[in-house]
Amino acid sequence: MKKKGWTASLRRKQYVIAGALVVIAAIGTTVYYSSTQEKEREQLESELAEEIGQETAQTEDVAAGDMDTEQEAAEASGLIPPKQTDNTAVVETSEVAELEEEIKTEEAEETDQTEETQVQQTTASQTKTLHFAPEDGILWPMEGNVIINYSMDSTVYFPTLDQYKYNPAVIIEGEVNDKVYSVAKGKVTSIENDEVTGCTMTVDLGDGYQAIYGQLKELNFEVGDYVEAGHVLGFVSEPTKYFSVEGSNLYFELQKDGTPVDPVEFFTE
């Protein structure tokens, strides 16, 4: 009997212990799950707070960007003038065009005046420096023999005319296309077609002297041009009918104050 009672008591203790263990396990499980859920809840709350913070920051950045854009637009609108009406633009364009035209006209007038002044100054300067010294002599206008001499004291014979007459120039024999040179520095004052001497050029040498070249063609200078001694004035042409027997030649006359002088006396060797 005692053994059975002890055995029954032992079983009861085992049941109690087992029940206690079950209770403890249940409590532990409950605590474990509660702790785990608490951690998960805290993690979720933390992630949620972080997402809210990011969205807030993005919203602030967008707002700031919008404010910057509005500020830039306001500044730009302050720099850009208001659009003018078509009538105003046309009026201002017309006024600008008229102003530009006036400026161009004034500049052109100033340029013309300046050029005219320069020409006048240059001409005056060159005229002042135009000087002929008889003692310095002159160059021969062309290579060739004198076939009719200068003669104002007595008459000389002209073969083509078959008569004797005064000769205010020297007639120098030449060939068509021979070069004719300037005898001294001077200014071309006239170019004429004379019946007797053909194409004739007159050059002012200064101090009342002037040289006259006849029977020319293909001139290299015009009236108003300045020439230097030795410049090629032109070329010998076919003779006029008044010198057909004499043949191609250069008519050269030297004058002092409108009176012919003997050019041979001025020619340098």
Foldseek 3Di string as FASTA:
>chain_A
DVVVVVVVVVVVVVVVVVVVVVVVVVVVVVVVVVVVVVVVVVVVVVVVVVVVVVVVVVVVVVVVVVVVVVVVVVVVCVVDDDDDDPVVVVVVVVVVVVVVVVVVVVVVVVVVVVVVVVVVVVLVVVQVVQADDLVVFWAQFFDAAFPDFQADPFWDAQVLVRDTDHHLWTKGDDDWFGFTWGGAKFFWADWDADQQFGTKTWTDRDQQKIKIKGQFDDAPDDHGDIDGGGDGGGTHHWHHSSRNVVTTTITMFMDGNRGTDGSVSRHDD
